[in-house]
Amino acid sequence: MRTSRREILLLFFVMFYGALTVTCIPQTVNKQKEKTDTTMADSARNKNVKAEELAKDLKRKGIRDERVLAAIAKIPREQFVDKSMAEYAYLDRPLPIEEGQTISQPYTVAFQTELLQLKPDEKVLEIGTGSGYQAAVLCEMGAKVYSIERYEVLYLTAKETLHKLGYYPHLFFGDGYEGLPEEAPFDKILITAAPEEIPEKLKKQLRIGGWMVLPLGGRQGQKMTVVRRTGEERYNQTTHGDFIFVPMQKGTEE
């Protein structure tokens, strides 16, 4: 009987240890994967000669906010376009993405971001996630980013790209005209497509003292506009040059 008990105990121990070992394997693999993903993200973002040259070019063209330039100098723009467009990623020009949309010209991204005059930890609502590049710039500058995209395929692609690079903004698939009233108020709102009129619901989601940057106008061209909320029902606006953006549309498309 004594031998049998020992054998039973030994068998139980082997089974328990084996089960424990199998349970730990996925955890080890996950940790290694997380470490690898983090290393890849850091490698992609920390040293990017082409991105640094792009930032220098934007400075020569008039961008003065050093935090905007520093963010652009770190972000691998080729990750936000199709592989067939990767060789053009660091040219100062817009590039096509899915659903007939574009990733904005780097100068335009920098110009709009500079108008936001971002401070660290400010809460920013972006309307039109698109490729996710603008959201990456905002994240790199330390903003708390909320971003809405009306095209589901763009929302999913941007989410994957941003997470791969180590950025985790709050992303939503929805109608940009509605904004995110449940998350309001926002310190700043950035619209990356052109409405013909200032969306009233978005104005209401600004905190008093906050402002919105948007290209305002029709298909023939728009004025870059800053709308400041100065009181409960008071707003003022200024214009900052001519631009061409894709039209802002209502609703969603799956």
Protein backbone atom coordinates (compact mmCIF):
# COMPACT_ATOMS: atom_id res chain seq x y z
CA MET A 1 0.00 0.00 0.00
CA ARG A 2 2.84 2.38 0.84
CA THR A 3 4.38 1.91 -2.61
CA SER A 4 1.06 2.45 -4.34
CA ARG A 5 0.49 5.70 -2.47
CA ARG A 6 3.94 6.90 -3.49
CA GLU A 7 3.26 6.00 -7.09
CA ILE A 8 -0.10 7.79 -6.96
CA LEU A 9 1.48 10.87 -5.39
CA LEU A 10 4.28 10.80 -7.96
CA LEU A 11 1.81 10.48 -10.83
CA PHE A 12 -0.29 13.34 -9.40
CA PHE A 13 2.81 15.54 -9.07
CA VAL A 14 3.90 14.86 -12.66
CA MET A 15 0.42 15.61 -13.99
CA PHE A 16 0.14 18.82 -11.94
CA TYR A 17 3.60 20.05 -12.92
CA GLY A 18 2.94 19.24 -16.57
CA ALA A 19 -0.34 21.15 -16.50
CA LEU A 20 1.36 24.10 -14.79
CA THR A 21 4.08 24.15 -17.43
CA VAL A 22 1.57 24.16 -20.29
CA THR A 23 -0.39 26.97 -18.62
CA CYS A 24 2.75 29.15 -18.40
CA ILE A 25 3.77 28.74 -22.05
CA PRO A 26 1.15 31.11 -23.51
CA GLN A 27 1.98 33.70 -20.84
CA THR A 28 5.66 33.54 -21.74
CA VAL A 29 4.86 33.76 -25.45
CA ASN A 30 2.53 36.71 -24.86
CA LYS A 31 5.18 38.55 -22.86
CA GLN A 32 7.75 37.90 -25.57
CA LYS A 33 5.27 39.11 -28.22
CA GLU A 34 4.49 42.26 -26.21
CA LYS A 35 8.20 42.88 -25.79
CA THR A 36 8.80 42.33 -29.51
CA ASP A 37 5.88 44.60 -30.48
CA THR A 38 7.17 47.32 -28.13
CA THR A 39 10.68 46.98 -29.53
CA MET A 40 9.36 47.23 -33.11
CA ALA A 41 7.29 50.30 -32.24
CA ASP A 42 10.22 51.98 -30.50
CA SER A 43 12.54 51.14 -33.39
CA ALA A 44 10.10 52.54 -35.95
CA ARG A 45 9.52 55.77 -34.02
CA ASN A 46 12.79 56.67 -32.31
CA LYS A 47 15.10 57.15 -35.30
CA ASN A 48 13.65 57.97 -38.67
CA VAL A 49 16.00 59.99 -40.88
CA LYS A 50 13.38 60.59 -43.56
CA ALA A 51 10.85 61.82 -40.99
CA GLU A 52 13.47 64.12 -39.51
CA GLU A 53 14.21 65.55 -42.95
CA LEU A 54 10.47 66.06 -43.50
CA ALA A 55 10.24 67.99 -40.23
CA LYS A 56 13.17 70.20 -41.29
CA ASP A 57 11.45 70.86 -44.62
CA LEU A 58 8.24 71.87 -42.83
CA LYS A 59 10.21 74.25 -40.62
CA ARG A 60 11.70 75.88 -43.72
CA LYS A 61 8.13 76.29 -45.01
CA GLY A 62 7.05 78.21 -41.93
CA ILE A 63 5.99 75.74 -39.22
CA ARG A 64 7.33 77.12 -35.94
CA ASP A 65 5.89 74.93 -33.18
CA GLU A 66 8.85 72.77 -32.15
CA ARG A 67 6.59 70.20 -30.50
CA VAL A 68 4.71 69.69 -33.77
CA LEU A 69 7.99 69.32 -35.66
CA ALA A 70 9.39 66.91 -33.06
CA ALA A 71 6.29 64.71 -33.33
CA ILE A 72 6.45 64.58 -37.13
CA ALA A 73 10.17 63.77 -36.95
CA LYS A 74 9.38 60.58 -35.01
CA ILE A 75 6.43 59.14 -36.90
CA PRO A 76 6.96 56.63 -39.76
CA ARG A 77 4.52 58.04 -42.29
CA GLU A 78 5.01 55.09 -44.65
CA GLN A 79 3.14 52.94 -42.13
CA PHE A 80 -0.04 54.94 -42.82
CA VAL A 81 -0.19 54.43 -46.59
CA ASP A 82 -0.41 51.47 -48.92
CA LYS A 83 2.89 49.73 -49.64
CA SER A 84 2.66 50.88 -53.25
CA MET A 85 2.76 54.48 -51.98
CA ALA A 86 5.52 54.00 -49.39
CA GLU A 87 8.26 55.55 -51.56
CA TYR A 88 6.26 58.80 -51.66
CA ALA A 89 5.46 58.88 -47.94
CA TYR A 90 7.93 61.64 -47.05
CA LEU A 91 7.09 63.96 -49.91
CA ASP A 92 5.11 67.01 -48.85
CA ARG A 93 1.97 65.99 -50.70
CA PRO A 94 -1.34 64.23 -49.97
CA LEU A 95 -1.59 60.55 -50.86
CA PRO A 96 -4.61 58.35 -51.60
CA ILE A 97 -5.91 55.87 -49.04
CA GLU A 98 -8.96 53.62 -49.10
CA GLU A 99 -12.56 54.77 -49.66
CA GLY A 100 -11.51 57.63 -51.93
CA GLN A 101 -9.96 59.50 -49.02
CA THR A 102 -6.47 60.93 -48.58
CA ILE A 103 -3.74 61.22 -46.00
CA SER A 104 -3.23 64.97 -45.80
CA GLN A 105 -0.12 66.75 -47.02
CA PRO A 106 2.37 66.88 -44.10
CA TYR A 107 2.42 70.69 -44.21
CA THR A 108 -1.37 70.73 -43.79
CA VAL A 109 -1.18 68.31 -40.85
CA ALA A 110 1.49 70.47 -39.22
CA PHE A 111 -0.38 73.71 -39.94
CA GLN A 112 -3.65 72.49 -38.43
CA THR A 113 -1.87 71.03 -35.42
CA GLU A 114 0.04 74.25 -34.87
CA LEU A 115 -3.24 76.19 -34.82
CA LEU A 116 -4.46 73.94 -32.00
CA GLN A 117 -1.65 75.27 -29.75
CA LEU A 118 -1.76 71.99 -27.85
CA LYS A 119 -0.75 71.63 -24.24
CA PRO A 120 0.11 68.24 -22.71
CA ASP A 121 -2.91 66.25 -21.48
CA GLU A 122 -5.43 68.42 -23.31
CA LYS A 123 -8.51 66.52 -24.44
CA VAL A 124 -8.79 66.63 -28.24
CA LEU A 125 -11.57 65.40 -30.49
CA GLU A 126 -10.52 64.59 -34.05
CA ILE A 127 -13.20 64.30 -36.71
CA GLY A 128 -11.99 62.01 -39.50
CA THR A 129 -9.41 59.48 -38.32
CA GLY A 130 -8.55 58.55 -41.92
CA SER A 131 -5.19 56.80 -42.02
CA GLY A 132 -4.51 57.57 -38.35
CA TYR A 133 -1.46 59.76 -39.07
CA GLN A 134 -2.94 62.94 -37.58
CA ALA A 135 -4.00 61.02 -34.47
CA ALA A 136 -0.42 59.74 -34.12
CA VAL A 137 0.88 63.33 -34.21
CA LEU A 138 -1.58 64.34 -31.48
CA CYS A 139 -0.65 61.32 -29.37
CA GLU A 140 3.05 62.01 -29.80
CA MET A 141 2.42 65.51 -28.43
CA GLY A 142 0.85 64.12 -25.28
CA ALA A 143 -2.81 64.90 -25.98
CA LYS A 144 -5.71 62.75 -24.82
CA VAL A 145 -7.05 61.86 -28.24
CA TYR A 146 -10.60 60.91 -29.20
CA SER A 147 -11.08 60.28 -32.91
CA ILE A 148 -14.14 59.41 -35.04
CA GLU A 149 -14.13 57.79 -38.48
CA ARG A 150 -17.24 57.31 -40.66
CA TYR A 151 -15.74 54.56 -42.85
CA GLU A 152 -15.49 51.27 -40.97
CA VAL A 153 -12.59 49.97 -43.06
CA LEU A 154 -10.55 53.10 -42.32
CA TYR A 155 -11.44 52.91 -38.63
CA LEU A 156 -10.21 49.30 -38.45
CA THR A 157 -7.06 49.91 -40.48
CA ALA A 158 -6.10 53.02 -38.51
CA LYS A 159 -6.66 51.19 -35.23
CA GLU A 160 -4.36 48.35 -36.29
CA THR A 161 -1.65 50.72 -37.52
CA LEU A 162 -1.73 52.96 -34.46
CA HIS A 163 -1.62 50.05 -32.02
CA LYS A 164 1.26 48.46 -33.95
CA LEU A 165 3.23 51.67 -33.49
CA GLY A 166 2.38 51.95 -29.80
CA TYR A 167 -0.29 54.66 -29.97
CA TYR A 168 -3.60 54.07 -28.19
CA PRO A 169 -6.04 56.93 -28.81
CA HIS A 170 -9.76 56.44 -28.16
CA LEU A 171 -11.08 55.48 -31.59
CA PHE A 172 -14.74 55.41 -32.63
CA PHE A 173 -16.63 54.30 -35.72
CA GLY A 174 -19.40 56.85 -36.15
CA ASP A 175 -20.79 60.05 -37.64
CA GLY A 176 -18.41 62.95 -37.13
CA TYR A 177 -21.25 65.47 -37.30
CA GLU A 178 -22.59 63.99 -34.05
CA GLY A 179 -19.28 64.19 -32.24
CA LEU A 180 -18.98 62.48 -28.86
CA PRO A 181 -21.38 64.27 -26.51
CA GLU A 182 -20.87 61.59 -23.85
CA GLU A 183 -17.15 62.48 -23.72
CA ALA A 184 -17.53 66.27 -23.96
CA PRO A 185 -16.39 68.90 -23.25
CA PHE A 186 -13.18 68.97 -25.25
CA ASP A 187 -10.33 71.45 -24.99
CA LYS A 188 -9.79 71.35 -28.74
CA ILE A 189 -11.57 69.89 -31.78
CA LEU A 190 -9.82 69.20 -35.08
CA ILE A 191 -11.79 68.49 -38.26
CA THR A 192 -9.86 66.88 -41.11
CA ALA A 193 -12.57 67.11 -43.80
CA ALA A 194 -14.42 70.18 -45.03
CA PRO A 195 -17.97 71.02 -43.91
CA GLU A 196 -19.75 73.81 -45.73
CA GLU A 197 -21.04 75.14 -42.41
CA ILE A 198 -19.67 74.86 -38.88
CA PRO A 199 -21.33 71.80 -37.26
CA GLU A 200 -23.49 73.13 -34.41
CA LYS A 201 -23.29 69.94 -32.35
CA LEU A 202 -19.51 70.10 -32.37
CA LYS A 203 -19.47 73.73 -31.26
CA LYS A 204 -21.50 72.74 -28.21
CA GLN A 205 -18.92 70.06 -27.34
CA LEU A 206 -16.13 72.62 -26.88
CA ARG A 207 -15.37 73.79 -23.39
CA ILE A 208 -15.67 77.53 -22.85
CA GLY A 209 -12.21 78.83 -23.70
CA GLY A 210 -11.53 75.99 -26.12
CA TRP A 211 -11.39 76.11 -29.89
CA MET A 212 -11.95 74.17 -33.09
CA VAL A 213 -9.74 74.07 -36.19
CA LEU A 214 -11.42 73.17 -39.46
CA PRO A 215 -11.31 73.77 -43.24
CA LEU A 216 -14.58 75.57 -43.91
CA GLY A 217 -16.20 75.79 -47.33
CA GLY A 218 -17.36 73.93 -50.44
CA ARG A 219 -15.64 71.85 -53.09
CA GLN A 220 -14.04 74.86 -54.77
CA GLY A 221 -11.81 75.42 -51.77
CA GLN A 222 -11.91 76.19 -48.10
CA LYS A 223 -10.58 78.64 -45.55
CA MET A 224 -8.73 77.20 -42.60
CA THR A 225 -10.83 78.48 -39.74
CA VAL A 226 -10.44 78.69 -35.98
CA VAL A 227 -13.68 78.86 -33.97
CA ARG A 228 -13.24 79.88 -30.34
CA ARG A 229 -15.91 79.38 -27.72
CA THR A 230 -15.85 82.47 -25.54
CA GLY A 231 -19.10 81.94 -23.61
CA GLU A 232 -22.11 79.68 -23.25
CA GLU A 233 -23.54 80.93 -26.56
CA ARG A 234 -20.67 83.08 -27.78
CA TYR A 235 -18.15 82.15 -30.47
CA ASN A 236 -15.73 84.04 -32.66
CA GLN A 237 -13.79 82.90 -35.68
CA THR A 238 -10.66 83.76 -37.62
CA THR A 239 -9.38 82.50 -40.98
CA HIS A 240 -5.87 81.31 -41.79
CA GLY A 241 -5.41 80.73 -45.51
CA ASP A 242 -6.81 78.67 -48.36
CA PHE A 243 -6.83 74.88 -48.48
CA ILE A 244 -8.50 72.02 -50.33
CA PHE A 245 -9.92 69.07 -48.37
CA VAL A 246 -12.32 66.26 -49.17
CA PRO A 247 -15.91 67.17 -48.17
CA MET A 248 -17.15 66.24 -44.72
CA GLN A 249 -20.07 63.81 -45.05
CA LYS A 250 -22.84 62.76 -42.70
CA GLY A 251 -23.61 59.22 -41.60
CA THR A 252 -21.42 56.10 -41.70
CA GLU A 253 -20.40 53.51 -44.26
CA GLU A 254 -19.64 49.90 -43.31
